[in-house]
Amino acid sequence: MRLLFHLALHIFVPYLVARWVFGPRWKKAWIIFLLTMLVDLDHLFSSPVFDPNRCSIGTHPLHSLYAIGFYFTLAAWPRARPVAIGLLIHMALDAIDCLLM
């Protein structure tokens, strides 16, 4: 049940941020935010690929503190900002999940 809630947040929170921050361009922003979920492909390098009791932050390469720092840096460029925001939302939700475990 926790996994289903977590996945729902990965759809609903980006939707809310897109509507709130991007105004009339919210649909494009939301699609970009959803595409940033591909960052979870780095889970394929773990064994096992899926472990409900594993914290993603610091475990997977694209969820590392270095990567998160890069996502913050990426937000400085206006054209890359929607991607950076999507990645940072994803990392924040994963971090919250880690705290709740």
PDB file of N, CA and C in Angstrom:
ATOM      1  N   MET A   1       0.820  -1.199   0.000  1.00  0.00           N
ATOM      2  CA  MET A   1       0.000   0.000   0.000  1.00  0.00           C
ATOM      3  C   MET A   1       0.864   1.263   0.000  1.00  0.00           C
ATOM      4  N   ARG A   2       1.986   1.201   0.758  1.00  0.00           N
ATOM      5  CA  ARG A   2       2.888   2.347   0.818  1.00  0.00           C
ATOM      6  C   ARG A   2       3.475   2.638  -0.567  1.00  0.00           C
ATOM      7  N   LEU A   3       3.784   1.581  -1.320  1.00  0.00           N
ATOM      8  CA  LEU A   3       4.337   1.748  -2.656  1.00  0.00           C
ATOM      9  C   LEU A   3       3.331   2.434  -3.578  1.00  0.00           C
ATOM     10  N   LEU A   4       2.101   2.021  -3.507  1.00  0.00           N
ATOM     11  CA  LEU A   4       1.061   2.622  -4.345  1.00  0.00           C
ATOM     12  C   LEU A   4       0.888   4.108  -4.015  1.00  0.00           C
ATOM     13  N   PHE A   5       0.899   4.439  -2.733  1.00  0.00           N
ATOM     14  CA  PHE A   5       0.798   5.834  -2.303  1.00  0.00           C
ATOM     15  C   PHE A   5       2.002   6.628  -2.807  1.00  0.00           C
ATOM     16  N   HIS A   6       3.180   6.050  -2.687  1.00  0.00           N
ATOM     17  CA  HIS A   6       4.411   6.705  -3.145  1.00  0.00           C
ATOM     18  C   HIS A   6       4.347   6.984  -4.643  1.00  0.00           C
ATOM     19  N   LEU A   7       3.918   6.013  -5.410  1.00  0.00           N
ATOM     20  CA  LEU A   7       3.805   6.194  -6.867  1.00  0.00           C
ATOM     21  C   LEU A   7       2.754   7.245  -7.218  1.00  0.00           C
ATOM     22  N   ALA A   8       1.654   7.259  -6.489  1.00  0.00           N
ATOM     23  CA  ALA A   8       0.615   8.263  -6.725  1.00  0.00           C
ATOM     24  C   ALA A   8       1.156   9.669  -6.458  1.00  0.00           C
ATOM     25  N   LEU A   9       1.976   9.800  -5.421  1.00  0.00           N
ATOM     26  CA  LEU A   9       2.578  11.108  -5.127  1.00  0.00           C
ATOM     27  C   LEU A   9       3.485  11.566  -6.265  1.00  0.00           C
ATOM     28  N   HIS A  10       4.166  10.614  -6.920  1.00  0.00           N
ATOM     29  CA  HIS A  10       5.058  10.948  -8.029  1.00  0.00           C
ATOM     30  C   HIS A  10       4.278  11.455  -9.248  1.00  0.00           C
ATOM     31  N   ILE A  11       2.991  11.268  -9.254  1.00  0.00           N
ATOM     32  CA  ILE A  11       2.149  11.804 -10.332  1.00  0.00           C
ATOM     33  C   ILE A  11       1.431  13.070  -9.865  1.00  0.00           C
ATOM     34  N   PHE A  12       0.865  13.020  -8.660  1.00  0.00           N
ATOM     35  CA  PHE A  12       0.021  14.102  -8.159  1.00  0.00           C
ATOM     36  C   PHE A  12       0.817  15.355  -7.776  1.00  0.00           C
ATOM     37  N   VAL A  13       1.935  15.198  -7.086  1.00  0.00           N
ATOM     38  CA  VAL A  13       2.725  16.360  -6.664  1.00  0.00           C
ATOM     39  C   VAL A  13       3.271  17.124  -7.870  1.00  0.00           C
ATOM     40  N   PRO A  14       3.861  16.435  -8.870  1.00  0.00           N
ATOM     41  CA  PRO A  14       4.289  17.186 -10.059  1.00  0.00           C
ATOM     42  C   PRO A  14       3.131  17.910 -10.759  1.00  0.00           C
ATOM     43  N   TYR A  15       1.963  17.288 -10.757  1.00  0.00           N
ATOM     44  CA  TYR A  15       0.784  17.942 -11.337  1.00  0.00           C
ATOM     45  C   TYR A  15       0.490  19.255 -10.608  1.00  0.00           C
ATOM     46  N   LEU A  16       0.472  19.208  -9.284  1.00  0.00           N
ATOM     47  CA  LEU A  16       0.193  20.415  -8.499  1.00  0.00           C
ATOM     48  C   LEU A  16       1.242  21.492  -8.727  1.00  0.00           C
ATOM     49  N   VAL A  17       2.508  21.097  -8.759  1.00  0.00           N
ATOM     50  CA  VAL A  17       3.578  22.074  -8.977  1.00  0.00           C
ATOM     51  C   VAL A  17       3.465  22.670 -10.379  1.00  0.00           C
ATOM     52  N   ALA A  18       3.189  21.843 -11.375  1.00  0.00           N
ATOM     53  CA  ALA A  18       3.048  22.336 -12.746  1.00  0.00           C
ATOM     54  C   ALA A  18       1.916  23.349 -12.844  1.00  0.00           C
ATOM     55  N   ARG A  19       0.787  23.031 -12.218  1.00  0.00           N
ATOM     56  CA  ARG A  19      -0.365  23.959 -12.265  1.00  0.00           C
ATOM     57  C   ARG A  19      -0.046  25.263 -11.547  1.00  0.00           C
ATOM     58  N   TRP A  20       0.651  25.161 -10.427  1.00  0.00           N
ATOM     59  CA  TRP A  20       0.915  26.328  -9.592  1.00  0.00           C
ATOM     60  C   TRP A  20       2.019  27.213 -10.168  1.00  0.00           C
ATOM     61  N   VAL A  21       3.094  26.604 -10.675  1.00  0.00           N
ATOM     62  CA  VAL A  21       4.275  27.360 -11.091  1.00  0.00           C
ATOM     63  C   VAL A  21       4.229  27.772 -12.566  1.00  0.00           C
ATOM     64  N   PHE A  22       3.710  26.923 -13.419  1.00  0.00           N
ATOM     65  CA  PHE A  22       3.845  27.153 -14.859  1.00  0.00           C
ATOM     66  C   PHE A  22       2.596  27.719 -15.530  1.00  0.00           C
ATOM     67  N   GLY A  23       1.550  27.983 -14.778  1.00  0.00           N
ATOM     68  CA  GLY A  23       0.358  28.643 -15.308  1.00  0.00           C
ATOM     69  C   GLY A  23      -0.183  27.988 -16.565  1.00  0.00           C
ATOM     70  N   PRO A  24      -0.341  28.777 -17.648  1.00  0.00           N
ATOM     71  CA  PRO A  24      -0.949  28.227 -18.864  1.00  0.00           C
ATOM     72  C   PRO A  24      -0.085  27.167 -19.559  1.00  0.00           C
ATOM     73  N   ARG A  25       1.197  27.075 -19.194  1.00  0.00           N
ATOM     74  CA  ARG A  25       2.080  26.057 -19.787  1.00  0.00           C
ATOM     75  C   ARG A  25       2.173  24.816 -18.909  1.00  0.00           C
ATOM     76  N   TRP A  26       1.205  24.618 -18.024  1.00  0.00           N
ATOM     77  CA  TRP A  26       1.286  23.548 -17.033  1.00  0.00           C
ATOM     78  C   TRP A  26       1.309  22.162 -17.671  1.00  0.00           C
ATOM     79  N   LYS A  27       0.611  21.955 -18.781  1.00  0.00           N
ATOM     80  CA  LYS A  27       0.571  20.614 -19.381  1.00  0.00           C
ATOM     81  C   LYS A  27       1.949  20.182 -19.874  1.00  0.00           C
ATOM     82  N   LYS A  28       2.640  21.083 -20.541  1.00  0.00           N
ATOM     83  CA  LYS A  28       3.989  20.776 -21.015  1.00  0.00           C
ATOM     84  C   LYS A  28       4.924  20.507 -19.837  1.00  0.00           C
ATOM     85  N   ALA A  29       4.828  21.333 -18.806  1.00  0.00           N
ATOM     86  CA  ALA A  29       5.668  21.150 -17.620  1.00  0.00           C
ATOM     87  C   ALA A  29       5.371  19.821 -16.948  1.00  0.00           C
ATOM     88  N   TRP A  30       4.093  19.464 -16.839  1.00  0.00           N
ATOM     89  CA  TRP A  30       3.725  18.211 -16.186  1.00  0.00           C
ATOM     90  C   TRP A  30       4.263  17.012 -16.970  1.00  0.00           C
ATOM     91  N   ILE A  31       4.195  17.073 -18.277  1.00  0.00           N
ATOM     92  CA  ILE A  31       4.740  15.984 -19.100  1.00  0.00           C
ATOM     93  C   ILE A  31       6.251  15.868 -18.877  1.00  0.00           C
ATOM     94  N   ILE A  32       6.936  17.007 -18.831  1.00  0.00           N
ATOM     95  CA  ILE A  32       8.376  16.974 -18.553  1.00  0.00           C
ATOM     96  C   ILE A  32       8.632  16.380 -17.179  1.00  0.00           C
ATOM     97  N   PHE A  33       7.847  16.806 -16.193  1.00  0.00           N
ATOM     98  CA  PHE A  33       7.998  16.259 -14.833  1.00  0.00           C
ATOM     99  C   PHE A  33       7.810  14.747 -14.835  1.00  0.00           C
ATOM    100  N   LEU A  34       6.799  14.273 -15.549  1.00  0.00           N
ATOM    101  CA  LEU A  34       6.564  12.828 -15.598  1.00  0.00           C
ATOM    102  C   LEU A  34       7.705  12.106 -16.295  1.00  0.00           C
ATOM    103  N   LEU A  35       8.274  12.722 -17.317  1.00  0.00           N
ATOM    104  CA  LEU A  35       9.406  12.096 -18.010  1.00  0.00           C
ATOM    105  C   LEU A  35      10.643  12.010 -17.116  1.00  0.00           C
ATOM    106  N   THR A  36      10.741  12.903 -16.135  1.00  0.00           N
ATOM    107  CA  THR A  36      11.893  12.822 -15.229  1.00  0.00           C
ATOM    108  C   THR A  36      11.821  11.589 -14.333  1.00  0.00           C
ATOM    109  N   MET A  37      10.693  10.907 -14.334  1.00  0.00           N
ATOM    110  CA  MET A  37      10.587   9.654 -13.578  1.00  0.00           C
ATOM    111  C   MET A  37      11.509   8.590 -14.170  1.00  0.00           C
ATOM    112  N   LEU A  38      11.962   8.817 -15.399  1.00  0.00           N
ATOM    113  CA  LEU A  38      12.912   7.886 -16.016  1.00  0.00           C
ATOM    114  C   LEU A  38      14.224   7.813 -15.236  1.00  0.00           C
ATOM    115  N   VAL A  39      14.425   8.761 -14.338  1.00  0.00           N
ATOM    116  CA  VAL A  39      15.609   8.723 -13.483  1.00  0.00           C
ATOM    117  C   VAL A  39      15.636   7.421 -12.676  1.00  0.00           C
ATOM    118  N   ASP A  40      14.489   6.795 -12.510  1.00  0.00           N
ATOM    119  CA  ASP A  40      14.425   5.528 -11.777  1.00  0.00           C
ATOM    120  C   ASP A  40      15.011   4.356 -12.554  1.00  0.00           C
ATOM    121  N   LEU A  41      15.410   4.586 -13.793  1.00  0.00           N
ATOM    122  CA  LEU A  41      16.070   3.514 -14.551  1.00  0.00           C
ATOM    123  C   LEU A  41      17.377   3.090 -13.893  1.00  0.00           C
ATOM    124  N   ASP A  42      17.933   3.960 -13.037  1.00  0.00           N
ATOM    125  CA  ASP A  42      19.159   3.577 -12.348  1.00  0.00           C
ATOM    126  C   ASP A  42      18.930   2.446 -11.348  1.00  0.00           C
ATOM    127  N   HIS A  43      17.682   2.152 -11.046  1.00  0.00           N
ATOM    128  CA  HIS A  43      17.377   1.018 -10.166  1.00  0.00           C
ATOM    129  C   HIS A  43      17.758  -0.295 -10.845  1.00  0.00           C
ATOM    130  N   LEU A  44      17.844  -0.292 -12.166  1.00  0.00           N
ATOM    131  CA  LEU A  44      18.194  -1.505 -12.901  1.00  0.00           C
ATOM    132  C   LEU A  44      19.616  -1.964 -12.603  1.00  0.00           C
ATOM    133  N   PHE A  45      20.441  -1.071 -12.058  1.00  0.00           N
ATOM    134  CA  PHE A  45      21.822  -1.420 -11.724  1.00  0.00           C
ATOM    135  C   PHE A  45      21.958  -1.993 -10.319  1.00  0.00           C
ATOM    136  N   SER A  46      20.846  -2.143  -9.619  1.00  0.00           N
ATOM    137  CA  SER A  46      20.865  -2.667  -8.250  1.00  0.00           C
ATOM    138  C   SER A  46      20.421  -4.115  -8.243  1.00  0.00           C
ATOM    139  N   SER A  47      20.832  -4.789  -7.202  1.00  0.00           N
ATOM    140  CA  SER A  47      20.398  -6.174  -7.020  1.00  0.00           C
ATOM    141  C   SER A  47      19.900  -6.321  -5.586  1.00  0.00           C
ATOM    142  N   PRO A  48      18.645  -6.638  -5.397  1.00  0.00           N
ATOM    143  CA  PRO A  48      17.617  -6.835  -6.415  1.00  0.00           C
ATOM    144  C   PRO A  48      17.196  -5.491  -7.019  1.00  0.00           C
ATOM    145  N   VAL A  49      16.589  -5.543  -8.191  1.00  0.00           N
ATOM    146  CA  VAL A  49      16.166  -4.323  -8.881  1.00  0.00           C
ATOM    147  C   VAL A  49      15.163  -3.561  -8.022  1.00  0.00           C
ATOM    148  N   PHE A  50      14.227  -4.267  -7.424  1.00  0.00           N
ATOM    149  CA  PHE A  50      13.217  -3.625  -6.568  1.00  0.00           C
ATOM    150  C   PHE A  50      13.328  -4.176  -5.158  1.00  0.00           C
ATOM    151  N   ASP A  51      13.497  -3.291  -4.220  1.00  0.00           N
ATOM    152  CA  ASP A  51      13.519  -3.656  -2.803  1.00  0.00           C
ATOM    153  C   ASP A  51      12.698  -2.598  -2.067  1.00  0.00           C
ATOM    154  N   PRO A  52      11.509  -2.963  -1.585  1.00  0.00           N
ATOM    155  CA  PRO A  52      10.638  -1.963  -0.955  1.00  0.00           C
ATOM    156  C   PRO A  52      11.219  -1.364   0.325  1.00  0.00           C
ATOM    157  N   ASN A  53      12.239  -1.990   0.885  1.00  0.00           N
ATOM    158  CA  ASN A  53      12.819  -1.489   2.125  1.00  0.00           C
ATOM    159  C   ASN A  53      14.155  -0.782   1.915  1.00  0.00           C
ATOM    160  N   ARG A  54      14.476  -0.464   0.660  1.00  0.00           N
ATOM    161  CA  ARG A  54      15.739   0.211   0.353  1.00  0.00           C
ATOM    162  C   ARG A  54      15.464   1.693   0.082  1.00  0.00           C
ATOM    163  N   CYS A  55      16.279   2.532   0.672  1.00  0.00           N
ATOM    164  CA  CYS A  55      16.189   3.973   0.423  1.00  0.00           C
ATOM    165  C   CYS A  55      16.930   4.283  -0.876  1.00  0.00           C
ATOM    166  N   SER A  56      16.256   4.944  -1.791  1.00  0.00           N
ATOM    167  CA  SER A  56      16.862   5.267  -3.091  1.00  0.00           C
ATOM    168  C   SER A  56      17.957   6.318  -2.972  1.00  0.00           C
ATOM    169  N   ILE A  57      17.762   7.269  -2.085  1.00  0.00           N
ATOM    170  CA  ILE A  57      18.714   8.379  -1.957  1.00  0.00           C
ATOM    171  C   ILE A  57      20.044   7.842  -1.441  1.00  0.00           C
ATOM    172  N   GLY A  58      21.091   8.092  -2.225  1.00  0.00           N
ATOM    173  CA  GLY A  58      22.420   7.642  -1.842  1.00  0.00           C
ATOM    174  C   GLY A  58      22.728   6.213  -2.246  1.00  0.00           C
ATOM    175  N   THR A  59      21.742   5.479  -2.738  1.00  0.00           N
ATOM    176  CA  THR A  59      21.943   4.086  -3.123  1.00  0.00           C
ATOM    177  C   THR A  59      22.147   3.947  -4.626  1.00  0.00           C
ATOM    178  N   HIS A  60      21.388   4.682  -5.385  1.00  0.00           N
ATOM    179  CA  HIS A  60      21.428   4.591  -6.844  1.00  0.00           C
ATOM    180  C   HIS A  60      22.201   5.783  -7.410  1.00  0.00           C
ATOM    181  N   PRO A  61      22.901   5.597  -8.531  1.00  0.00           N
ATOM    182  CA  PRO A  61      23.752   6.676  -9.060  1.00  0.00           C
ATOM    183  C   PRO A  61      23.020   7.986  -9.357  1.00  0.00           C
ATOM    184  N   LEU A  62      21.839   7.927  -9.936  1.00  0.00           N
ATOM    185  CA  LEU A  62      21.105   9.150 -10.259  1.00  0.00           C
ATOM    186  C   LEU A  62      20.324   9.694  -9.071  1.00  0.00           C
ATOM    187  N   HIS A  63      20.436   9.014  -7.932  1.00  0.00           N
ATOM    188  CA  HIS A  63      19.822   9.462  -6.685  1.00  0.00           C
ATOM    189  C   HIS A  63      20.903   9.828  -5.654  1.00  0.00           C
ATOM    190  N   SER A  64      22.139   9.977  -6.116  1.00  0.00           N
ATOM    191  CA  SER A  64      23.245  10.294  -5.213  1.00  0.00           C
ATOM    192  C   SER A  64      23.221  11.775  -4.848  1.00  0.00           C
ATOM    193  N   LEU A  65      23.951  12.112  -3.807  1.00  0.00           N
ATOM    194  CA  LEU A  65      24.026  13.514  -3.400  1.00  0.00           C
ATOM    195  C   LEU A  65      24.713  14.356  -4.470  1.00  0.00           C
ATOM    196  N   TYR A  66      25.667  13.771  -5.187  1.00  0.00           N
ATOM    197  CA  TYR A  66      26.319  14.487  -6.285  1.00  0.00           C
ATOM    198  C   TYR A  66      25.306  14.794  -7.391  1.00  0.00           C
ATOM    199  N   ALA A  67      24.497  13.809  -7.736  1.00  0.00           N
ATOM    200  CA  ALA A  67      23.489  14.004  -8.773  1.00  0.00           C
ATOM    201  C   ALA A  67      22.478  15.063  -8.341  1.00  0.00           C
ATOM    202  N   ILE A  68      22.059  15.007  -7.087  1.00  0.00           N
ATOM    203  CA  ILE A  68      21.092  15.986  -6.587  1.00  0.00           C
ATOM    204  C   ILE A  68      21.692  17.395  -6.629  1.00  0.00           C
ATOM    205  N   GLY A  69      22.970  17.509  -6.286  1.00  0.00           N
ATOM    206  CA  GLY A  69      23.647  18.803  -6.407  1.00  0.00           C
ATOM    207  C   GLY A  69      23.661  19.295  -7.838  1.00  0.00           C
ATOM    208  N   PHE A  70      23.865  18.378  -8.783  1.00  0.00           N
ATOM    209  CA  PHE A  70      23.826  18.731 -10.204  1.00  0.00           C
ATOM    210  C   PHE A  70      22.433  19.197 -10.602  1.00  0.00           C
ATOM    211  N   TYR A  71      21.392  18.555 -10.066  1.00  0.00           N
ATOM    212  CA  TYR A  71      20.017  18.955 -10.398  1.00  0.00           C
ATOM    213  C   TYR A  71      19.740  20.379  -9.912  1.00  0.00           C
ATOM    214  N   PHE A  72      20.271  20.719  -8.740  1.00  0.00           N
ATOM    215  CA  PHE A  72      20.126  22.098  -8.245  1.00  0.00           C
ATOM    216  C   PHE A  72      20.849  23.073  -9.168  1.00  0.00           C
ATOM    217  N   THR A  73      22.051  22.710  -9.611  1.00  0.00           N
ATOM    218  CA  THR A  73      22.818  23.549 -10.527  1.00  0.00           C
ATOM    219  C   THR A  73      22.086  23.708 -11.856  1.00  0.00           C
ATOM    220  N   LEU A  74      21.500  22.627 -12.330  1.00  0.00           N
ATOM    221  CA  LEU A  74      20.760  22.625 -13.587  1.00  0.00           C
ATOM    222  C   LEU A  74      19.595  23.617 -13.555  1.00  0.00           C
ATOM    223  N   ALA A  75      19.050  23.829 -12.379  1.00  0.00           N
ATOM    224  CA  ALA A  75      17.913  24.741 -12.232  1.00  0.00           C
ATOM    225  C   ALA A  75      18.293  26.201 -12.516  1.00  0.00           C
ATOM    226  N   ALA A  76      19.580  26.503 -12.579  1.00  0.00           N
ATOM    227  CA  ALA A  76      20.019  27.870 -12.857  1.00  0.00           C
ATOM    228  C   ALA A  76      19.765  28.269 -14.308  1.00  0.00           C
ATOM    229  N   TRP A  77      19.649  27.282 -15.209  1.00  0.00           N
ATOM    230  CA  TRP A  77      19.412  27.562 -16.624  1.00  0.00           C
ATOM    231  C   TRP A  77      17.922  27.503 -16.920  1.00  0.00           C
ATOM    232  N   PRO A  78      17.345  28.599 -17.376  1.00  0.00           N
ATOM    233  CA  PRO A  78      15.893  28.644 -17.612  1.00  0.00           C
ATOM    234  C   PRO A  78      15.359  27.526 -18.511  1.00  0.00           C
ATOM    235  N   ARG A  79      16.080  27.192 -19.577  1.00  0.00           N
ATOM    236  CA  ARG A  79      15.591  26.146 -20.490  1.00  0.00           C
ATOM    237  C   ARG A  79      15.603  24.766 -19.843  1.00  0.00           C
ATOM    238  N   ALA A  80      16.513  24.564 -18.900  1.00  0.00           N
ATOM    239  CA  ALA A  80      16.620  23.267 -18.232  1.00  0.00           C
ATOM    240  C   ALA A  80      15.820  23.221 -16.929  1.00  0.00           C
ATOM    241  N   ARG A  81      15.288  24.348 -16.519  1.00  0.00           N
ATOM    242  CA  ARG A  81      14.622  24.441 -15.220  1.00  0.00           C
ATOM    243  C   ARG A  81      13.474  23.452 -15.030  1.00  0.00           C
ATOM    244  N   PRO A  82      12.589  23.246 -16.015  1.00  0.00           N
ATOM    245  CA  PRO A  82      11.517  22.259 -15.798  1.00  0.00           C
ATOM    246  C   PRO A  82      12.046  20.851 -15.529  1.00  0.00           C
ATOM    247  N   VAL A  83      13.098  20.461 -16.231  1.00  0.00           N
ATOM    248  CA  VAL A  83      13.703  19.145 -15.992  1.00  0.00           C
ATOM    249  C   VAL A  83      14.283  19.092 -14.581  1.00  0.00           C
ATOM    250  N   ALA A  84      15.006  20.146 -14.209  1.00  0.00           N
ATOM    251  CA  ALA A  84      15.616  20.196 -12.879  1.00  0.00           C
ATOM    252  C   ALA A  84      14.551  20.149 -11.785  1.00  0.00           C
ATOM    253  N   ILE A  85      13.480  20.897 -11.955  1.00  0.00           N
ATOM    254  CA  ILE A  85      12.402  20.892 -10.961  1.00  0.00           C
ATOM    255  C   ILE A  85      11.784  19.510 -10.859  1.00  0.00           C
ATOM    256  N   GLY A  86      11.546  18.864 -11.995  1.00  0.00           N
ATOM    257  CA  GLY A  86      10.992  17.511 -11.971  1.00  0.00           C
ATOM    258  C   GLY A  86      11.894  16.538 -11.235  1.00  0.00           C
ATOM    259  N   LEU A  87      13.192  16.625 -11.491  1.00  0.00           N
ATOM    260  CA  LEU A  87      14.147  15.737 -10.814  1.00  0.00           C
ATOM    261  C   LEU A  87      14.201  16.033  -9.315  1.00  0.00           C
ATOM    262  N   LEU A  88      14.153  17.305  -8.949  1.00  0.00           N
ATOM    263  CA  LEU A  88      14.203  17.663  -7.527  1.00  0.00           C
ATOM    264  C   LEU A  88      12.923  17.262  -6.799  1.00  0.00           C
ATOM    265  N   ILE A  89      11.785  17.361  -7.464  1.00  0.00           N
ATOM    266  CA  ILE A  89      10.537  16.870  -6.864  1.00  0.00           C
ATOM    267  C   ILE A  89      10.663  15.373  -6.606  1.00  0.00           C
ATOM    268  N   HIS A  90      11.162  14.656  -7.599  1.00  0.00           N
ATOM    269  CA  HIS A  90      11.331  13.209  -7.483  1.00  0.00           C
ATOM    270  C   HIS A  90      12.236  12.861  -6.297  1.00  0.00           C
ATOM    271  N   MET A  91      13.367  13.568  -6.193  1.00  0.00           N
ATOM    272  CA  MET A  91      14.314  13.296  -5.101  1.00  0.00           C
ATOM    273  C   MET A  91      13.691  13.634  -3.742  1.00  0.00           C
ATOM    274  N   ALA A  92      12.939  14.720  -3.681  1.00  0.00           N
ATOM    275  CA  ALA A  92      12.292  15.095  -2.421  1.00  0.00           C
ATOM    276  C   ALA A  92      11.281  14.028  -1.993  1.00  0.00           C
ATOM    277  N   LEU A  93      10.491  13.546  -2.941  1.00  0.00           N
ATOM    278  CA  LEU A  93       9.515  12.502  -2.599  1.00  0.00           C
ATOM    279  C   LEU A  93      10.203  11.215  -2.176  1.00  0.00           C
ATOM    280  N   ASP A  94      11.299  10.869  -2.843  1.00  0.00           N
ATOM    281  CA  ASP A  94      12.049   9.679  -2.439  1.00  0.00           C
ATOM    282  C   ASP A  94      12.671   9.866  -1.058  1.00  0.00           C
ATOM    283  N   ALA A  95      13.159  11.069  -0.779  1.00  0.00           N
ATOM    284  CA  ALA A  95      13.741  11.334   0.535  1.00  0.00           C
ATOM    285  C   ALA A  95      12.699  11.242   1.630  1.00  0.00           C
ATOM    286  N   ILE A  96      11.504  11.742   1.366  1.00  0.00           N
ATOM    287  CA  ILE A  96      10.422  11.623   2.344  1.00  0.00           C
ATOM    288  C   ILE A  96      10.089  10.160   2.586  1.00  0.00           C
ATOM    289  N   ASP A  97      10.063   9.383   1.518  1.00  0.00           N
ATOM    290  CA  ASP A  97       9.811   7.956   1.645  1.00  0.00           C
ATOM    291  C   ASP A  97      10.877   7.287   2.521  1.00  0.00           C
ATOM    292  N   CYS A  98      12.128   7.717   2.344  1.00  0.00           N
ATOM    293  CA  CYS A  98      13.222   7.169   3.159  1.00  0.00           C
ATOM    294  C   CYS A  98      13.013   7.493   4.642  1.00  0.00           C
ATOM    295  N   LEU A  99      12.563   8.692   4.917  1.00  0.00           N
ATOM    296  CA  LEU A  99      12.329   9.097   6.317  1.00  0.00           C
ATOM    297  C   LEU A  99      11.194   8.306   6.949  1.00  0.00           C
ATOM    298  N   LEU A 100      10.213   7.923   6.154  1.00  0.00           N
ATOM    299  CA  LEU A 100       9.049   7.206   6.667  1.00  0.00           C
ATOM    300  C   LEU A 100       9.292   5.693   6.827  1.00  0.00           C
ATOM    301  N   MET A 101      10.411   5.226   6.265  1.00  0.00           N
ATOM    302  CA  MET A 101      10.697   3.783   6.368  1.00  0.00           C
ATOM    303  C   MET A 101      11.143   3.419   7.760  1.00  0.00           C
TER     304      MET A 101
END
